């Protein structure tokens, strides 16, 4: 199986040389990764047991699977997303939250507030994520004021984010079905739309997935 060099120029970053070399070798010989044990051995061979290395490998596998339908990459993704214990979930969430806080300097991206009221919030909700990788990927996170966070997570699309991937912006706004009085009561910070620059392509991808779900919720509620 020949893999084009084009994927090295993709906006999915970072991908180190050793990871690219490993994935090329794995994909060149599909039989070397036919079983879960073989995949585990391959990962151990390149010292990929730390969180950072596992994340890097997972992101590389996503590229190869999405762009080239590489089944070896799909198996590696499955292996790296093995079930977690309750303690592991807690540890992963704490690490996720700290990474999200660091990305946004603990500042609400809508109000600009900083402080204890600001919380790490998933873009694509925890329940909507199909893998643990997505659930604990810091790219799938923003910082919101606690009040906005409640509206963001209320499962009724009170607050929605409209992605514009061409211009790398997100427009946060209240649900268009809400009246002015309802907006003032539930999410007054979004009485006027707020435009946020988002340059990370993975974060934009999560916003797009979230927006598709929110639009479906609004349409279903109208029917």
Protein backbone atom coordinates (compact mmCIF):
# COMPACT_ATOMS: atom_id res chain seq x y z
CA UNK A 1 0.00 0.00 0.00
CA UNK A 2 1.51 3.30 -1.08
CA UNK A 3 0.85 6.35 1.04
CA UNK A 4 1.18 9.76 -0.56
CA UNK A 5 3.40 12.37 1.09
CA UNK A 6 0.50 14.81 0.88
CA UNK A 7 -0.80 13.90 4.30
CA UNK A 8 2.32 15.39 5.85
CA UNK A 9 1.02 18.79 4.77
CA UNK A 10 -2.39 18.30 6.35
CA UNK A 11 -3.59 20.70 9.03
CA UNK A 12 -3.66 17.85 11.55
CA UNK A 13 -0.54 18.64 13.59
CA UNK A 14 1.81 17.74 15.10
CA UNK A 15 3.07 14.54 13.51
CA UNK A 16 6.68 13.64 14.26
CA UNK A 17 9.00 11.89 11.83
CA UNK A 18 9.14 8.71 13.90
CA UNK A 19 5.33 8.46 13.89
CA UNK A 20 5.13 8.96 10.14
CA UNK A 21 7.85 6.33 9.63
CA UNK A 22 6.05 3.90 11.93
CA UNK A 23 2.71 4.35 10.20
CA UNK A 24 4.29 3.94 6.76
CA UNK A 25 5.93 0.72 7.86
CA UNK A 26 2.70 -0.56 9.41
CA UNK A 27 0.69 0.27 6.31
CA UNK A 28 3.27 -1.18 3.96
CA UNK A 29 2.78 -4.58 5.59
CA UNK A 30 -0.86 -4.94 6.58
CA UNK A 31 -0.25 -8.47 7.85
CA UNK A 32 2.01 -7.13 10.60
CA UNK A 33 -1.02 -5.63 12.32
CA UNK A 34 -3.65 -8.32 11.84
CA UNK A 35 -4.20 -8.87 15.55
CA UNK A 36 -4.59 -6.75 18.67
CA UNK A 37 -1.39 -8.27 20.10
CA UNK A 38 0.58 -7.36 16.99
CA UNK A 39 -0.64 -3.78 17.17
CA UNK A 40 0.26 -3.58 20.86
CA UNK A 41 3.75 -4.86 20.11
CA UNK A 42 4.21 -2.34 17.31
CA UNK A 43 3.20 0.50 19.61
CA UNK A 44 5.56 -0.67 22.34
CA UNK A 45 8.39 -0.92 19.81
CA UNK A 46 8.28 2.83 19.21
CA UNK A 47 7.78 3.64 22.90
CA UNK A 48 4.23 4.88 22.38
CA UNK A 49 2.85 4.23 25.85
CA UNK A 50 2.84 7.85 27.10
CA UNK A 51 -0.29 9.98 26.65
CA UNK A 52 1.42 12.43 24.30
CA UNK A 53 2.80 9.68 22.09
CA UNK A 54 -0.55 7.84 22.04
CA UNK A 55 -2.37 11.04 21.09
CA UNK A 56 0.10 11.73 18.31
CA UNK A 57 -0.25 8.21 16.95
CA UNK A 58 -4.05 8.37 17.20
CA UNK A 59 -4.16 11.62 15.23
CA UNK A 60 -1.89 10.13 12.56
CA UNK A 61 -4.14 7.07 12.37
CA UNK A 62 -7.18 9.33 11.89
CA UNK A 63 -5.52 10.96 8.89
CA UNK A 64 -4.59 7.66 7.29
CA UNK A 65 -8.03 6.18 7.88
CA UNK A 66 -10.05 9.21 6.76
CA UNK A 67 -7.89 10.09 3.75
CA UNK A 68 -6.83 6.61 2.62
CA UNK A 69 -9.29 4.22 4.30
CA UNK A 70 -6.32 2.45 5.87
CA UNK A 71 -7.68 -0.49 7.86
CA UNK A 72 -4.46 -0.88 9.85
CA UNK A 73 -4.92 2.69 11.07
CA UNK A 74 -8.50 1.84 12.06
CA UNK A 75 -7.26 -1.11 14.13
CA UNK A 76 -4.66 1.08 15.83
CA UNK A 77 -7.36 3.63 16.67
CA UNK A 78 -9.45 0.85 18.20
CA UNK A 79 -6.53 -0.42 20.24
CA UNK A 80 -5.65 3.02 21.57
CA UNK A 81 -9.27 3.63 22.54
CA UNK A 82 -9.55 0.60 24.81
CA UNK A 83 -12.03 0.84 27.76
CA UNK A 84 -10.99 2.87 30.82
CA UNK A 85 -11.57 2.21 34.49
CA UNK A 86 -13.41 4.81 36.61
CA UNK A 87 -10.08 5.99 38.02
CA UNK A 88 -8.63 6.29 34.52
CA UNK A 89 -11.66 8.30 33.38
CA UNK A 90 -11.16 10.69 36.30
CA UNK A 91 -7.45 11.07 35.59
CA UNK A 92 -8.05 11.62 31.88
CA UNK A 93 -10.77 14.21 32.58
CA UNK A 94 -8.56 16.14 34.99
CA UNK A 95 -5.76 16.20 32.44
CA UNK A 96 -8.24 17.23 29.72
CA UNK A 97 -9.57 20.11 31.83
CA UNK A 98 -6.10 21.42 32.63
CA UNK A 99 -5.13 21.30 28.95
CA UNK A 100 -8.30 23.19 27.97
CA UNK A 101 -7.68 25.82 30.66
CA UNK A 102 -4.13 26.26 29.39
CA UNK A 103 -5.27 26.68 25.78
CA UNK A 104 -7.65 29.50 26.70
CA UNK A 105 -5.82 30.97 29.71
CA UNK A 106 -8.81 30.05 31.90
CA UNK A 107 -10.81 32.76 30.14
CA UNK A 108 -14.41 32.37 28.97
CA UNK A 109 -14.27 32.69 25.19
CA UNK A 110 -17.63 34.50 25.12
CA UNK A 111 -17.50 36.93 28.05
CA UNK A 112 -13.76 37.19 28.59
CA UNK A 113 -14.25 36.53 32.30
CA UNK A 114 -11.51 34.83 34.27
CA UNK A 115 -11.96 33.07 37.59
CA UNK A 116 -13.55 30.21 39.45
CA UNK A 117 -16.81 30.58 37.51
CA UNK A 118 -15.02 29.59 34.32
CA UNK A 119 -15.20 25.90 33.45
CA UNK A 120 -13.78 23.54 30.84
CA UNK A 121 -16.64 22.61 28.52
CA UNK A 122 -16.86 19.97 25.83
CA UNK A 123 -17.72 21.17 22.34
CA UNK A 124 -19.02 17.81 21.19
CA UNK A 125 -20.73 16.50 24.32
CA UNK A 126 -19.31 13.65 26.35
CA UNK A 127 -22.26 11.41 25.42
CA UNK A 128 -22.05 12.32 21.74
CA UNK A 129 -18.38 11.36 21.46
CA UNK A 130 -17.86 7.94 19.93
CA UNK A 131 -14.41 7.32 21.46
CA UNK A 132 -12.51 8.11 24.64
CA UNK A 133 -10.00 9.92 22.46
CA UNK A 134 -12.69 12.43 21.44
CA UNK A 135 -13.96 12.74 25.02
CA UNK A 136 -10.54 13.69 26.37
CA UNK A 137 -9.10 15.51 23.38
CA UNK A 138 -8.31 19.08 24.48
CA UNK A 139 -9.21 20.21 20.96
CA UNK A 140 -12.75 19.23 21.89
CA UNK A 141 -12.90 21.81 24.64
CA UNK A 142 -13.44 25.50 25.35
CA UNK A 143 -13.69 27.58 28.51
CA UNK A 144 -17.12 28.97 29.39
CA UNK A 145 -18.61 30.92 32.25
CA UNK A 146 -20.59 28.53 34.47
CA UNK A 147 -23.96 30.05 33.50
CA UNK A 148 -23.27 29.76 29.78
CA UNK A 149 -21.89 26.26 30.32
CA UNK A 150 -25.25 25.16 31.73
CA UNK A 151 -27.07 26.48 28.65
CA UNK A 152 -24.44 24.95 26.37
CA UNK A 153 -24.99 21.52 27.93
CA UNK A 154 -28.77 21.65 28.47
CA UNK A 155 -29.52 19.37 25.49
CA UNK A 156 -32.07 21.82 24.05
CA UNK A 157 -29.64 23.94 22.01
CA UNK A 158 -30.30 27.07 24.08
CA UNK A 159 -26.87 28.31 22.99
CA UNK A 160 -25.51 27.31 19.60
CA UNK A 161 -22.25 27.91 17.75
CA UNK A 162 -22.37 28.41 13.98
CA UNK A 163 -19.08 27.43 12.33
CA UNK A 164 -17.59 29.24 9.35
CA UNK A 165 -14.68 27.00 8.40
CA UNK A 166 -13.70 29.14 5.42
CA UNK A 167 -13.03 32.18 7.60
CA UNK A 168 -12.00 30.27 10.78
CA UNK A 169 -14.69 31.85 12.93
CA UNK A 170 -17.44 30.62 15.21
CA UNK A 171 -20.56 32.69 15.85
CA UNK A 172 -22.12 31.98 19.24
CA UNK A 173 -25.78 32.88 19.40
CA UNK A 174 -28.92 32.00 21.24
CA UNK A 175 -31.34 29.49 19.77
CA UNK A 176 -33.24 31.39 17.02
CA UNK A 177 -36.48 29.91 18.34
CA UNK A 178 -36.11 31.82 21.62
CA UNK A 179 -37.77 35.18 22.17
CA UNK A 180 -35.82 38.19 23.39
CA UNK A 181 -37.35 37.73 26.83
CA UNK A 182 -36.33 34.06 26.92
CA UNK A 183 -32.78 34.93 25.88
CA UNK A 184 -32.52 37.56 28.61
CA UNK A 185 -33.74 35.01 31.13
CA UNK A 186 -31.67 32.01 30.03
CA UNK A 187 -28.52 33.26 28.34
CA UNK A 188 -28.32 37.09 28.38
CA UNK A 189 -24.67 37.01 27.28
CA UNK A 190 -25.89 35.95 23.83
CA UNK A 191 -28.54 38.62 23.32
CA UNK A 192 -26.16 39.75 20.59
CA UNK A 193 -24.13 37.15 18.64
CA UNK A 194 -20.48 36.77 19.60
CA UNK A 195 -17.88 36.03 16.92
CA UNK A 196 -14.83 34.02 18.00
CA UNK A 197 -11.72 33.24 15.95
CA UNK A 198 -10.90 29.52 15.87
CA UNK A 199 -7.74 28.62 13.97
CA UNK A 200 -7.35 25.02 15.15
CA UNK A 201 -8.82 22.73 12.46
CA UNK A 202 -9.55 19.91 14.90
CA UNK A 203 -11.47 22.29 17.17
CA UNK A 204 -13.39 23.56 14.16
CA UNK A 205 -14.24 19.97 13.26
CA UNK A 206 -15.77 19.42 16.71
CA UNK A 207 -17.78 22.63 16.35
CA UNK A 208 -19.10 21.44 12.99
CA UNK A 209 -20.20 18.11 14.46
CA UNK A 210 -21.81 19.89 17.40
CA UNK A 211 -23.65 22.32 15.11
CA UNK A 212 -25.10 19.48 13.05
CA UNK A 213 -26.49 17.90 16.22
CA UNK A 214 -27.90 21.20 17.50
CA UNK A 215 -29.68 21.93 14.21
CA UNK A 216 -31.24 18.46 14.34
CA UNK A 217 -32.47 19.16 17.91
CA UNK A 218 -34.02 22.48 16.85
CA UNK A 219 -35.73 20.88 13.86
CA UNK A 220 -37.06 17.98 15.90
CA UNK A 221 -38.42 20.35 18.55
CA UNK A 222 -40.24 22.31 15.82
CA UNK A 223 -41.93 19.19 14.41
